[in-house]
Amino acid sequence: MDVTPLIPEGRQIIQGYSADGFKVSGKSYDGAIIVTPAATSPWDAPVAFAALDENSFTSLTEQADDIDVVLLGSGVRGEFFPPKLRQALKEKGLVIETMDTGAACRTYNVLMAEGRRVVAALMPLQ
């Protein structure tokens, strides 16, 4: 029995991650990225997780009505996401789930395969 999930053509699949960047649907990206089921783009995120602020998520708040959840990959290990920033983004329509980048990549692939409206905002392993 084949249990491989059917991924619609053109969907973005995260295939790998490292300290330098990511491989998504056969293409390599340096630095932080934002992955949606339809597209992958560079993310102008600060190098340090602690430096993230509301402005770091502007491109996502503009699309908030089309996003169920944002998986925030924080690098090598999970980081604490400040409650005030979480609340400010929630008021703009974004639900943020923070985890280490590896977990965010894997979770994105599963949720995307299920047809969920998921976005991965990923910081490289640094």
Foldseek 3Di string as FASTA:
>chain_A
DDPDQDADPQFWAWDDAAQQFTAIPNDTDGWWWKHWRRDIDHQPADLAPVPDAPVSCVVVLVVLVQADAEEEARAPFWDDDDPVRQVVVVVSRYHYDTTHQVVLNVVNNVCVSVVHGYMYGYGGHD
